[in-house]
Amino acid sequence: MRICNIFCNFARFFRCRAPMINRTMVRTRIVQTLFAYYQDPDKTLLSARKELNKSFADTYDLYFTLLDFANELTAHAQRVLEEQKARSRATHTMFNPNRRFIENRLAQQIFDNSALRSRVQEQHLSWESSLQAISDVYKRLTESDFYIQYMNAESCTYEDDKRVWRQIYQYLLADNEVFYDALDEMEVVLDKSNWVTDADIVLSYVIKTIKRFKEDSTPQTPLLEMFDNDEEANFASTLLLKAIEGHEEFEQLINSHLKGWDADRIAYMDRIILETALAEIMSFEDIALTISLNEYIEIAKEYSGDKSYMFINGILTEILRDLKHQGKLFKAETLK
């Protein structure tokens, strides 16, 4: 299938041990894709595949954009230093700058990374619309205790260079309202999706990436791949297809187990979550039943009504009990 081939090509190109897109994110993206798919009068399977593919690529672009923030913040620090130097010349005052942050070795490795430079250039990823956020983060950085300690230490090892950047991503960017507003604006400017909602998890991947760098890392150091392997890419492609192909069957199963509920009053998102869960449970025998159930209950907690997860859990349990009694449920773990 075309979408699987696209995903697999990404996986082979960015080969390393840790994936960017895990199965939890795949499930969420498919629910979101189907939510839009069934409301589109011009919907086709191809359009759904393209939309799903774009959602994965957008999250992957966010990863590269956040990594590239190290370059943008370093460049801003350089500009500030040059401005200070110009003022000292104008006032004939002594200027002895501390260049430790600007010459940070980890930041230089990130800047030199060939995969990052290629992706940023190919996808036209830019912080140009968010210079104010960069300035705000830099101001907060220079006022932080960990930065002051880093800059004033008698000596600086490569591990110190790495540590200060982990702290920047962990403490200055996470939950930073100005920074997230900038991502929101960039999402629109660059025609991306889910950047703000994905920011926390992708920031954690950036921190993992920083930990992987070594003092002798080269520009060819691999970054995180989109998918772990071809099997994961195939999971995404197959689950979307099975959910769409089984739509009418799943709809009938759900309606037949409502027991007093008005079918027309069931939340639209709840139906999509139920159908996707059934597609996975009935199509992937190697995935344990409890894993599938727990994953979609968590999606309901995040994206549907306050008590939707209880409704979804109850309906799924009843449907699966009936399927088991009919001999139609074959899973790595059976229903008690």
C-alpha atoms as a PDB file:
ATOM      1  CA  MET A   1       0.000   0.000   0.000  1.00  0.00           C
ATOM      2  CA  ARG A   2       1.178   3.507  -0.831  1.00  0.00           C
ATOM      3  CA  ILE A   3       0.911   4.905   2.735  1.00  0.00           C
ATOM      4  CA  CYS A   4       2.857   1.988   4.168  1.00  0.00           C
ATOM      5  CA  ASN A   5       5.596   2.457   1.571  1.00  0.00           C
ATOM      6  CA  ILE A   6       5.894   6.151   2.478  1.00  0.00           C
ATOM      7  CA  PHE A   7       6.145   5.338   6.182  1.00  0.00           C
ATOM      8  CA  CYS A   8       8.655   2.556   5.604  1.00  0.00           C
ATOM      9  CA  ASN A   9      10.888   4.801   3.510  1.00  0.00           C
ATOM     10  CA  PHE A  10      11.035   7.276   6.377  1.00  0.00           C
ATOM     11  CA  ALA A  11      11.892   4.450   8.753  1.00  0.00           C
ATOM     12  CA  ARG A  12      14.738   3.168   6.604  1.00  0.00           C
ATOM     13  CA  PHE A  13      16.193   6.641   6.058  1.00  0.00           C
ATOM     14  CA  PHE A  14      16.265   7.651   9.712  1.00  0.00           C
ATOM     15  CA  ARG A  15      17.363   4.293  11.091  1.00  0.00           C
ATOM     16  CA  CYS A  16      18.227   4.221  14.795  1.00  0.00           C
ATOM     17  CA  ARG A  17      16.893   2.503  17.877  1.00  0.00           C
ATOM     18  CA  ALA A  18      14.110   4.754  19.116  1.00  0.00           C
ATOM     19  CA  PRO A  19      10.952   5.710  17.176  1.00  0.00           C
ATOM     20  CA  MET A  20       9.240   9.088  17.102  1.00  0.00           C
ATOM     21  CA  ILE A  21       5.765   7.728  16.353  1.00  0.00           C
ATOM     22  CA  ASN A  22       4.678   5.009  18.785  1.00  0.00           C
ATOM     23  CA  ARG A  23       1.475   2.969  18.723  1.00  0.00           C
ATOM     24  CA  THR A  24      -0.283   5.208  21.216  1.00  0.00           C
ATOM     25  CA  MET A  25       0.199   8.159  18.877  1.00  0.00           C
ATOM     26  CA  VAL A  26      -0.827   6.035  15.879  1.00  0.00           C
ATOM     27  CA  ARG A  27      -4.135   5.156  17.532  1.00  0.00           C
ATOM     28  CA  THR A  28      -4.827   8.773  18.432  1.00  0.00           C
ATOM     29  CA  ARG A  29      -4.027   9.973  14.918  1.00  0.00           C
ATOM     30  CA  ILE A  30      -6.301   7.383  13.340  1.00  0.00           C
ATOM     31  CA  VAL A  31      -9.195   8.379  15.608  1.00  0.00           C
ATOM     32  CA  GLN A  32      -8.629  12.029  14.645  1.00  0.00           C
ATOM     33  CA  THR A  33      -8.369  11.134  10.944  1.00  0.00           C
ATOM     34  CA  LEU A  34     -11.612   9.120  11.029  1.00  0.00           C
ATOM     35  CA  PHE A  35     -13.378  11.904  12.933  1.00  0.00           C
ATOM     36  CA  ALA A  36     -12.715  14.234   9.985  1.00  0.00           C
ATOM     37  CA  TYR A  37     -13.135  11.501   7.351  1.00  0.00           C
ATOM     38  CA  TYR A  38     -16.778  10.691   8.136  1.00  0.00           C
ATOM     39  CA  GLN A  39     -17.738  14.372   8.055  1.00  0.00           C
ATOM     40  CA  ASP A  40     -16.239  14.944   4.616  1.00  0.00           C
ATOM     41  CA  PRO A  41     -18.750  14.510   1.768  1.00  0.00           C
ATOM     42  CA  ASP A  42     -15.881  14.009  -0.672  1.00  0.00           C
ATOM     43  CA  LYS A  43     -14.093  11.448   1.473  1.00  0.00           C
ATOM     44  CA  THR A  44     -12.048   8.665  -0.068  1.00  0.00           C
ATOM     45  CA  LEU A  45      -9.713   6.075   1.352  1.00  0.00           C
ATOM     46  CA  LEU A  46      -6.854   7.814  -0.445  1.00  0.00           C
ATOM     47  CA  SER A  47      -7.689  11.168   1.160  1.00  0.00           C
ATOM     48  CA  ALA A  48      -7.784   9.525   4.607  1.00  0.00           C
ATOM     49  CA  ARG A  49      -4.394   7.917   3.981  1.00  0.00           C
ATOM     50  CA  LYS A  50      -2.918  11.236   2.892  1.00  0.00           C
ATOM     51  CA  GLU A  51      -4.297  13.005   5.941  1.00  0.00           C
ATOM     52  CA  LEU A  52      -2.943  10.336   8.290  1.00  0.00           C
ATOM     53  CA  ASN A  53       0.436  10.463   6.586  1.00  0.00           C
ATOM     54  CA  LYS A  54       0.527  14.260   6.905  1.00  0.00           C
ATOM     55  CA  SER A  55      -0.308  14.101  10.611  1.00  0.00           C
ATOM     56  CA  PHE A  56       2.675  11.809  11.230  1.00  0.00           C
ATOM     57  CA  ALA A  57       4.970  13.958   9.089  1.00  0.00           C
ATOM     58  CA  ASP A  58       3.814  17.110  10.919  1.00  0.00           C
ATOM     59  CA  THR A  59       4.737  15.614  14.284  1.00  0.00           C
ATOM     60  CA  TYR A  60       8.079  14.521  12.880  1.00  0.00           C
ATOM     61  CA  ASP A  61       8.662  18.064  11.599  1.00  0.00           C
ATOM     62  CA  LEU A  62       7.922  19.381  15.079  1.00  0.00           C
ATOM     63  CA  TYR A  63      10.708  17.165  16.408  1.00  0.00           C
ATOM     64  CA  PHE A  64      13.207  18.668  13.968  1.00  0.00           C
ATOM     65  CA  THR A  65      11.918  22.183  14.588  1.00  0.00           C
ATOM     66  CA  LEU A  66      12.357  21.839  18.353  1.00  0.00           C
ATOM     67  CA  LEU A  67      15.845  20.418  17.881  1.00  0.00           C
ATOM     68  CA  ASP A  68      16.663  23.365  15.641  1.00  0.00           C
ATOM     69  CA  PHE A  69      15.598  25.721  18.425  1.00  0.00           C
ATOM     70  CA  ALA A  70      19.057  25.126  19.920  1.00  0.00           C
ATOM     71  CA  ASN A  71      20.531  26.784  16.843  1.00  0.00           C
ATOM     72  CA  GLU A  72      18.081  29.673  16.959  1.00  0.00           C
ATOM     73  CA  LEU A  73      18.687  30.392  20.644  1.00  0.00           C
ATOM     74  CA  THR A  74      22.447  30.207  20.161  1.00  0.00           C
ATOM     75  CA  ALA A  75      22.229  32.612  17.222  1.00  0.00           C
ATOM     76  CA  HIS A  76      20.147  34.994  19.341  1.00  0.00           C
ATOM     77  CA  ALA A  77      22.759  34.848  22.103  1.00  0.00           C
ATOM     78  CA  GLN A  78      25.413  35.702  19.504  1.00  0.00           C
ATOM     79  CA  ARG A  79      23.383  38.716  18.337  1.00  0.00           C
ATOM     80  CA  VAL A  80      22.990  39.934  21.912  1.00  0.00           C
ATOM     81  CA  LEU A  81      26.732  39.622  22.450  1.00  0.00           C
ATOM     82  CA  GLU A  82      27.442  41.598  19.251  1.00  0.00           C
ATOM     83  CA  GLU A  83      25.051  44.344  20.374  1.00  0.00           C
ATOM     84  CA  GLN A  84      26.805  44.524  23.733  1.00  0.00           C
ATOM     85  CA  LYS A  85      30.154  44.692  21.972  1.00  0.00           C
ATOM     86  CA  ALA A  86      28.969  47.566  19.764  1.00  0.00           C
ATOM     87  CA  ARG A  87      27.699  49.504  22.792  1.00  0.00           C
ATOM     88  CA  SER A  88      31.008  49.024  24.612  1.00  0.00           C
ATOM     89  CA  ARG A  89      32.872  50.429  21.628  1.00  0.00           C
ATOM     90  CA  ALA A  90      30.561  53.424  21.461  1.00  0.00           C
ATOM     91  CA  THR A  91      31.049  54.146  25.164  1.00  0.00           C
ATOM     92  CA  HIS A  92      34.757  53.219  25.189  1.00  0.00           C
ATOM     93  CA  THR A  93      34.239  50.683  27.957  1.00  0.00           C
ATOM     94  CA  MET A  94      36.002  47.372  28.488  1.00  0.00           C
ATOM     95  CA  PHE A  95      34.158  44.360  27.049  1.00  0.00           C
ATOM     96  CA  ASN A  96      35.231  40.844  27.987  1.00  0.00           C
ATOM     97  CA  PRO A  97      32.351  38.535  26.961  1.00  0.00           C
ATOM     98  CA  ASN A  98      31.750  35.042  28.307  1.00  0.00           C
ATOM     99  CA  ARG A  99      31.355  32.939  25.140  1.00  0.00           C
ATOM    100  CA  ARG A 100      30.735  29.612  26.868  1.00  0.00           C
ATOM    101  CA  PHE A 101      27.071  29.346  25.874  1.00  0.00           C
ATOM    102  CA  ILE A 102      27.683  30.513  22.303  1.00  0.00           C
ATOM    103  CA  GLU A 103      30.485  27.974  21.906  1.00  0.00           C
ATOM    104  CA  ASN A 104      28.514  25.136  23.489  1.00  0.00           C
ATOM    105  CA  ARG A 105      29.719  21.896  21.883  1.00  0.00           C
ATOM    106  CA  LEU A 106      26.388  20.104  21.968  1.00  0.00           C
ATOM    107  CA  ALA A 107      24.651  23.005  20.220  1.00  0.00           C
ATOM    108  CA  GLN A 108      27.343  22.951  17.539  1.00  0.00           C
ATOM    109  CA  GLN A 109      26.811  19.216  17.000  1.00  0.00           C
ATOM    110  CA  ILE A 110      23.089  19.774  16.616  1.00  0.00           C
ATOM    111  CA  PHE A 111      23.719  22.565  14.133  1.00  0.00           C
ATOM    112  CA  ASP A 112      26.107  20.367  12.121  1.00  0.00           C
ATOM    113  CA  ASN A 113      23.820  17.322  12.075  1.00  0.00           C
ATOM    114  CA  SER A 114      23.221  16.418   8.443  1.00  0.00           C
ATOM    115  CA  ALA A 115      19.777  14.857   8.976  1.00  0.00           C
ATOM    116  CA  LEU A 116      18.568  17.960  10.830  1.00  0.00           C
ATOM    117  CA  ARG A 117      19.962  20.389   8.279  1.00  0.00           C
ATOM    118  CA  SER A 118      18.443  18.391   5.422  1.00  0.00           C
ATOM    119  CA  ARG A 119      14.990  18.168   7.001  1.00  0.00           C
ATOM    120  CA  VAL A 120      14.891  21.838   7.972  1.00  0.00           C
ATOM    121  CA  GLN A 121      15.839  22.866   4.456  1.00  0.00           C
ATOM    122  CA  GLU A 122      13.538  20.444   2.637  1.00  0.00           C
ATOM    123  CA  GLN A 123      10.476  21.279   4.747  1.00  0.00           C
ATOM    124  CA  HIS A 124      11.258  25.012   5.055  1.00  0.00           C
ATOM    125  CA  LEU A 125      11.090  24.827   8.831  1.00  0.00           C
ATOM    126  CA  SER A 126      11.801  28.241  10.297  1.00  0.00           C
ATOM    127  CA  TRP A 127      11.534  30.179  13.545  1.00  0.00           C
ATOM    128  CA  GLU A 128      11.318  33.456  11.643  1.00  0.00           C
ATOM    129  CA  SER A 129       7.749  34.154  12.795  1.00  0.00           C
ATOM    130  CA  SER A 130       8.654  33.503  16.454  1.00  0.00           C
ATOM    131  CA  LEU A 131      11.640  35.708  17.186  1.00  0.00           C
ATOM    132  CA  GLN A 132       9.885  37.253  20.194  1.00  0.00           C
ATOM    133  CA  ALA A 133       9.535  33.825  21.803  1.00  0.00           C
ATOM    134  CA  ILE A 134      13.248  33.189  21.270  1.00  0.00           C
ATOM    135  CA  SER A 135      14.050  36.508  22.941  1.00  0.00           C
ATOM    136  CA  ASP A 136      11.726  35.680  25.848  1.00  0.00           C
ATOM    137  CA  VAL A 137      13.312  32.261  26.394  1.00  0.00           C
ATOM    138  CA  TYR A 138      16.795  33.766  26.282  1.00  0.00           C
ATOM    139  CA  LYS A 139      15.880  36.349  28.905  1.00  0.00           C
ATOM    140  CA  ARG A 140      14.514  33.626  31.171  1.00  0.00           C
ATOM    141  CA  LEU A 141      17.622  31.562  30.510  1.00  0.00           C
ATOM    142  CA  THR A 142      20.046  34.290  31.563  1.00  0.00           C
ATOM    143  CA  GLU A 143      18.071  34.753  34.788  1.00  0.00           C
ATOM    144  CA  SER A 144      17.976  31.036  35.658  1.00  0.00           C
ATOM    145  CA  ASP A 145      20.153  29.569  38.392  1.00  0.00           C
ATOM    146  CA  PHE A 146      21.367  26.658  36.270  1.00  0.00           C
ATOM    147  CA  TYR A 147      22.560  29.008  33.496  1.00  0.00           C
ATOM    148  CA  ILE A 148      24.347  31.324  35.918  1.00  0.00           C
ATOM    149  CA  GLN A 149      26.063  28.332  37.501  1.00  0.00           C
ATOM    150  CA  TYR A 150      27.014  26.974  34.071  1.00  0.00           C
ATOM    151  CA  MET A 151      28.478  30.279  32.897  1.00  0.00           C
ATOM    152  CA  ASN A 152      30.396  30.980  36.115  1.00  0.00           C
ATOM    153  CA  ALA A 153      31.912  27.542  36.666  1.00  0.00           C
ATOM    154  CA  GLU A 154      35.715  27.456  36.587  1.00  0.00           C
ATOM    155  CA  SER A 155      35.723  24.759  33.936  1.00  0.00           C
ATOM    156  CA  CYS A 156      33.221  23.294  31.492  1.00  0.00           C
ATOM    157  CA  THR A 157      33.110  19.686  30.291  1.00  0.00           C
ATOM    158  CA  TYR A 158      31.165  18.294  27.362  1.00  0.00           C
ATOM    159  CA  GLU A 159      28.678  16.821  29.840  1.00  0.00           C
ATOM    160  CA  ASP A 160      28.141  20.315  31.253  1.00  0.00           C
ATOM    161  CA  ASP A 161      27.346  21.522  27.736  1.00  0.00           C
ATOM    162  CA  LYS A 162      24.806  18.722  27.334  1.00  0.00           C
ATOM    163  CA  ARG A 163      23.270  19.288  30.743  1.00  0.00           C
ATOM    164  CA  VAL A 164      22.500  22.959  30.191  1.00  0.00           C
ATOM    165  CA  TRP A 165      20.560  22.126  27.021  1.00  0.00           C
ATOM    166  CA  ARG A 166      18.591  19.364  28.709  1.00  0.00           C
ATOM    167  CA  GLN A 167      17.662  21.888  31.374  1.00  0.00           C
ATOM    168  CA  ILE A 168      16.619  24.463  28.769  1.00  0.00           C
ATOM    169  CA  TYR A 169      14.237  22.033  27.085  1.00  0.00           C
ATOM    170  CA  GLN A 170      12.958  20.616  30.351  1.00  0.00           C
ATOM    171  CA  TYR A 171      12.562  23.747  32.468  1.00  0.00           C
ATOM    172  CA  LEU A 172      12.336  26.719  30.108  1.00  0.00           C
ATOM    173  CA  LEU A 173      10.317  25.373  27.183  1.00  0.00           C
ATOM    174  CA  ALA A 174       7.879  22.929  28.786  1.00  0.00           C
ATOM    175  CA  ASP A 175       4.705  24.717  29.946  1.00  0.00           C
ATOM    176  CA  ASN A 176       6.062  28.044  28.664  1.00  0.00           C
ATOM    177  CA  GLU A 177       2.979  29.963  27.525  1.00  0.00           C
ATOM    178  CA  VAL A 178       4.913  32.364  25.282  1.00  0.00           C
ATOM    179  CA  PHE A 179       6.739  29.469  23.654  1.00  0.00           C
ATOM    180  CA  TYR A 180       3.535  27.499  23.079  1.00  0.00           C
ATOM    181  CA  ASP A 181       1.832  30.566  21.598  1.00  0.00           C
ATOM    182  CA  ALA A 182       4.752  30.769  19.182  1.00  0.00           C
ATOM    183  CA  LEU A 183       4.286  27.116  18.219  1.00  0.00           C
ATOM    184  CA  ASP A 184       0.599  27.809  17.674  1.00  0.00           C
ATOM    185  CA  GLU A 185       1.448  30.631  15.284  1.00  0.00           C
ATOM    186  CA  MET A 186       4.105  28.585  13.510  1.00  0.00           C
ATOM    187  CA  GLU A 187       1.619  25.740  13.098  1.00  0.00           C
ATOM    188  CA  VAL A 188      -0.572  28.053  11.043  1.00  0.00           C
ATOM    189  CA  VAL A 189       2.260  29.703   9.103  1.00  0.00           C
ATOM    190  CA  LEU A 190       3.871  26.366   8.172  1.00  0.00           C
ATOM    191  CA  ASP A 191       0.555  24.529   7.579  1.00  0.00           C
ATOM    192  CA  LYS A 192       1.135  21.945  10.293  1.00  0.00           C
ATOM    193  CA  SER A 193      -1.191  20.239  12.767  1.00  0.00           C
ATOM    194  CA  ASN A 194      -1.106  19.117  16.414  1.00  0.00           C
ATOM    195  CA  TRP A 195       2.075  21.037  17.213  1.00  0.00           C
ATOM    196  CA  VAL A 196       0.789  22.513  20.446  1.00  0.00           C
ATOM    197  CA  THR A 197      -0.902  19.307  21.606  1.00  0.00           C
ATOM    198  CA  ASP A 198       2.195  17.249  20.735  1.00  0.00           C
ATOM    199  CA  ALA A 199       4.730  19.695  22.181  1.00  0.00           C
ATOM    200  CA  ASP A 200       5.163  18.021  25.586  1.00  0.00           C
ATOM    201  CA  ILE A 201       5.772  14.529  24.247  1.00  0.00           C
ATOM    202  CA  VAL A 202       8.038  15.765  21.438  1.00  0.00           C
ATOM    203  CA  LEU A 203      10.071  17.839  23.896  1.00  0.00           C
ATOM    204  CA  SER A 204      10.709  14.609  25.803  1.00  0.00           C
ATOM    205  CA  TYR A 205      11.999  13.037  22.565  1.00  0.00           C
ATOM    206  CA  VAL A 206      14.330  16.000  22.039  1.00  0.00           C
ATOM    207  CA  ILE A 207      15.735  15.477  25.540  1.00  0.00           C
ATOM    208  CA  LYS A 208      16.245  11.778  24.748  1.00  0.00           C
ATOM    209  CA  THR A 209      18.067  12.777  21.577  1.00  0.00           C
ATOM    210  CA  ILE A 210      20.391  15.103  23.478  1.00  0.00           C
ATOM    211  CA  LYS A 211      21.302  12.260  25.828  1.00  0.00           C
ATOM    212  CA  ARG A 212      22.348  10.143  22.834  1.00  0.00           C
ATOM    213  CA  PHE A 213      25.035  12.581  21.685  1.00  0.00           C
ATOM    214  CA  LYS A 214      28.653  11.905  22.637  1.00  0.00           C
ATOM    215  CA  GLU A 215      31.669  14.162  22.568  1.00  0.00           C
ATOM    216  CA  ASP A 216      32.904  12.442  19.414  1.00  0.00           C
ATOM    217  CA  SER A 217      29.510  12.423  17.652  1.00  0.00           C
ATOM    218  CA  THR A 218      29.730  13.309  13.971  1.00  0.00           C
ATOM    219  CA  PRO A 219      27.313  15.136  11.637  1.00  0.00           C
ATOM    220  CA  GLN A 220      26.074  11.680  10.594  1.00  0.00           C
ATOM    221  CA  THR A 221      24.839  10.867  14.109  1.00  0.00           C
ATOM    222  CA  PRO A 222      21.343   9.383  13.604  1.00  0.00           C
ATOM    223  CA  LEU A 223      18.345  11.152  15.060  1.00  0.00           C
ATOM    224  CA  LEU A 224      15.085   9.482  16.036  1.00  0.00           C
ATOM    225  CA  GLU A 225      13.321   7.734  13.181  1.00  0.00           C
ATOM    226  CA  MET A 226       9.638   8.221  12.390  1.00  0.00           C
ATOM    227  CA  PHE A 227       8.758   4.556  12.974  1.00  0.00           C
ATOM    228  CA  ASP A 228      10.687   1.847  14.783  1.00  0.00           C
ATOM    229  CA  ASN A 229      10.380  -0.632  11.934  1.00  0.00           C
ATOM    230  CA  ASP A 230       8.260  -1.678   8.958  1.00  0.00           C
ATOM    231  CA  GLU A 231       5.868  -3.528  11.255  1.00  0.00           C
ATOM    232  CA  GLU A 232       4.904  -0.318  13.034  1.00  0.00           C
ATOM    233  CA  ALA A 233       4.304   1.486   9.746  1.00  0.00           C
ATOM    234  CA  ASN A 234       2.177  -1.431   8.576  1.00  0.00           C
ATOM    235  CA  PHE A 235       0.163  -1.285  11.820  1.00  0.00           C
ATOM    236  CA  ALA A 236      -0.825   2.313  11.063  1.00  0.00           C
ATOM    237  CA  SER A 237      -1.766   1.565   7.474  1.00  0.00           C
ATOM    238  CA  THR A 238      -3.706  -1.600   8.285  1.00  0.00           C
ATOM    239  CA  LEU A 239      -5.620  -0.191  11.257  1.00  0.00           C
ATOM    240  CA  LEU A 240      -6.891   2.744   9.203  1.00  0.00           C
ATOM    241  CA  LEU A 241      -7.967   0.419   6.401  1.00  0.00           C
ATOM    242  CA  LYS A 242      -9.690  -2.076   8.718  1.00  0.00           C
ATOM    243  CA  ALA A 243     -11.551   0.699  10.553  1.00  0.00           C
ATOM    244  CA  ILE A 244     -12.931   2.108   7.298  1.00  0.00           C
ATOM    245  CA  GLU A 245     -13.709  -1.294   5.736  1.00  0.00           C
ATOM    246  CA  GLY A 246     -15.514  -2.486   8.868  1.00  0.00           C
ATOM    247  CA  HIS A 247     -17.451   0.734   9.476  1.00  0.00           C
ATOM    248  CA  GLU A 248     -20.937  -0.676   8.810  1.00  0.00           C
ATOM    249  CA  GLU A 249     -20.267  -3.921  10.712  1.00  0.00           C
ATOM    250  CA  PHE A 250     -18.897  -2.034  13.733  1.00  0.00           C
ATOM    251  CA  GLU A 251     -21.784   0.430  13.636  1.00  0.00           C
ATOM    252  CA  GLN A 252     -24.289  -2.428  13.755  1.00  0.00           C
ATOM    253  CA  LEU A 253     -22.418  -4.099  16.616  1.00  0.00           C
ATOM    254  CA  ILE A 254     -22.443  -0.882  18.626  1.00  0.00           C
ATOM    255  CA  ASN A 255     -26.131  -0.152  17.973  1.00  0.00           C
ATOM    256  CA  SER A 256     -27.140  -3.684  18.966  1.00  0.00           C
ATOM    257  CA  HIS A 257     -25.483  -3.305  22.377  1.00  0.00           C
ATOM    258  CA  LEU A 258     -26.726   0.142  23.392  1.00  0.00           C
ATOM    259  CA  LYS A 259     -29.548  -1.296  25.568  1.00  0.00           C
ATOM    260  CA  GLY A 260     -31.773   1.695  26.162  1.00  0.00           C
ATOM    261  CA  TRP A 261     -29.394   4.309  24.802  1.00  0.00           C
ATOM    262  CA  ASP A 262     -30.670   6.415  21.937  1.00  0.00           C
ATOM    263  CA  ALA A 263     -28.324   5.637  19.045  1.00  0.00           C
ATOM    264  CA  ASP A 264     -28.684   9.153  17.645  1.00  0.00           C
ATOM    265  CA  ARG A 265     -27.566  10.694  20.931  1.00  0.00           C
ATOM    266  CA  ILE A 266     -24.282   8.815  21.218  1.00  0.00           C
ATOM    267  CA  ALA A 267     -21.408  11.261  20.947  1.00  0.00           C
ATOM    268  CA  TYR A 268     -19.823  11.188  17.508  1.00  0.00           C
ATOM    269  CA  MET A 269     -16.313  10.932  18.942  1.00  0.00           C
ATOM    270  CA  ASP A 270     -17.398   8.018  21.136  1.00  0.00           C
ATOM    271  CA  ARG A 271     -18.544   6.130  18.044  1.00  0.00           C
ATOM    272  CA  ILE A 272     -15.260   6.748  16.261  1.00  0.00           C
ATOM    273  CA  ILE A 273     -13.271   5.533  19.277  1.00  0.00           C
ATOM    274  CA  LEU A 274     -15.469   2.424  19.595  1.00  0.00           C
ATOM    275  CA  GLU A 275     -15.141   1.579  15.906  1.00  0.00           C
ATOM    276  CA  THR A 276     -11.374   2.029  15.887  1.00  0.00           C
ATOM    277  CA  ALA A 277     -11.045  -0.097  19.014  1.00  0.00           C
ATOM    278  CA  LEU A 278     -13.121  -2.865  17.421  1.00  0.00           C
ATOM    279  CA  ALA A 279     -11.049  -2.684  14.236  1.00  0.00           C
ATOM    280  CA  GLU A 280      -7.873  -3.221  16.249  1.00  0.00           C
ATOM    281  CA  ILE A 281      -9.292  -5.941  18.490  1.00  0.00           C
ATOM    282  CA  MET A 282     -10.706  -7.925  15.583  1.00  0.00           C
ATOM    283  CA  SER A 283      -7.784  -7.442  13.195  1.00  0.00           C
ATOM    284  CA  PHE A 284      -4.644  -7.767  15.332  1.00  0.00           C
ATOM    285  CA  GLU A 285      -4.639 -11.088  17.157  1.00  0.00           C
ATOM    286  CA  ASP A 286      -1.113 -10.535  18.508  1.00  0.00           C
ATOM    287  CA  ILE A 287      -2.073  -7.425  20.523  1.00  0.00           C
ATOM    288  CA  ALA A 288      -3.316  -8.339  24.002  1.00  0.00           C
ATOM    289  CA  LEU A 289      -6.931  -7.435  24.639  1.00  0.00           C
ATOM    290  CA  THR A 290      -6.190  -5.405  27.773  1.00  0.00           C
ATOM    291  CA  ILE A 291      -3.687  -3.282  25.854  1.00  0.00           C
ATOM    292  CA  SER A 292      -6.241  -2.388  23.189  1.00  0.00           C
ATOM    293  CA  LEU A 293      -8.963  -1.680  25.755  1.00  0.00           C
ATOM    294  CA  ASN A 294      -6.745   0.488  27.940  1.00  0.00           C
ATOM    295  CA  GLU A 295      -5.392   2.467  24.975  1.00  0.00           C
ATOM    296  CA  TYR A 296      -8.838   3.474  23.700  1.00  0.00           C
ATOM    297  CA  ILE A 297     -10.157   4.214  27.168  1.00  0.00           C
ATOM    298  CA  GLU A 298      -7.251   6.641  27.578  1.00  0.00           C
ATOM    299  CA  ILE A 299      -8.055   8.224  24.212  1.00  0.00           C
ATOM    300  CA  ALA A 300     -11.651   8.682  25.366  1.00  0.00           C
ATOM    301  CA  LYS A 301     -10.464  10.387  28.552  1.00  0.00           C
ATOM    302  CA  GLU A 302      -8.366  12.792  26.503  1.00  0.00           C
ATOM    303  CA  TYR A 303     -10.627  13.554  23.550  1.00  0.00           C
ATOM    304  CA  SER A 304     -14.227  12.832  24.537  1.00  0.00           C
ATOM    305  CA  GLY A 305     -16.678  13.711  27.332  1.00  0.00           C
ATOM    306  CA  ASP A 306     -15.952  13.417  31.047  1.00  0.00           C
ATOM    307  CA  LYS A 307     -17.680  10.055  31.441  1.00  0.00           C
ATOM    308  CA  SER A 308     -17.271   8.755  27.908  1.00  0.00           C
ATOM    309  CA  TYR A 309     -14.517   6.352  28.901  1.00  0.00           C
ATOM    310  CA  MET A 310     -16.912   4.486  31.206  1.00  0.00           C
ATOM    311  CA  PHE A 311     -19.518   4.252  28.448  1.00  0.00           C
ATOM    312  CA  ILE A 312     -16.921   3.052  25.934  1.00  0.00           C
ATOM    313  CA  ASN A 313     -15.529   0.501  28.379  1.00  0.00           C
ATOM    314  CA  GLY A 314     -19.013  -0.845  29.083  1.00  0.00           C
ATOM    315  CA  ILE A 315     -20.064  -1.135  25.428  1.00  0.00           C
ATOM    316  CA  LEU A 316     -16.775  -2.730  24.375  1.00  0.00           C
ATOM    317  CA  THR A 317     -16.964  -5.248  27.212  1.00  0.00           C
ATOM    318  CA  GLU A 318     -20.487  -6.321  26.215  1.00  0.00           C
ATOM    319  CA  ILE A 319     -19.603  -6.595  22.521  1.00  0.00           C
ATOM    320  CA  LEU A 320     -16.470  -8.614  23.221  1.00  0.00           C
ATOM    321  CA  ARG A 321     -18.280 -11.004  25.563  1.00  0.00           C
ATOM    322  CA  ASP A 322     -20.791 -11.750  22.810  1.00  0.00           C
ATOM    323  CA  LEU A 323     -18.050 -12.190  20.214  1.00  0.00           C
ATOM    324  CA  LYS A 324     -16.244 -14.589  22.523  1.00  0.00           C
ATOM    325  CA  HIS A 325     -19.381 -16.669  23.083  1.00  0.00           C
ATOM    326  CA  GLN A 326     -19.896 -16.773  19.308  1.00  0.00           C
ATOM    327  CA  GLY A 327     -16.330 -17.963  18.779  1.00  0.00           C
ATOM    328  CA  LYS A 328     -15.410 -14.808  16.848  1.00  0.00           C
ATOM    329  CA  LEU A 329     -12.845 -13.381  19.276  1.00  0.00           C
ATOM    330  CA  PHE A 330      -9.293 -14.599  18.818  1.00  0.00           C
ATOM    331  CA  LYS A 331      -6.838 -12.599  20.876  1.00  0.00           C
ATOM    332  CA  ALA A 332      -3.495 -12.926  22.628  1.00  0.00           C
ATOM    333  CA  GLU A 333      -5.476 -12.539  25.825  1.00  0.00           C
ATOM    334  CA  THR A 334      -9.106 -13.607  26.235  1.00  0.00           C
ATOM    335  CA  LEU A 335     -11.933 -11.846  28.041  1.00  0.00           C
ATOM    336  CA  LYS A 336     -12.760 -13.189  31.506  1.00  0.00           C
END
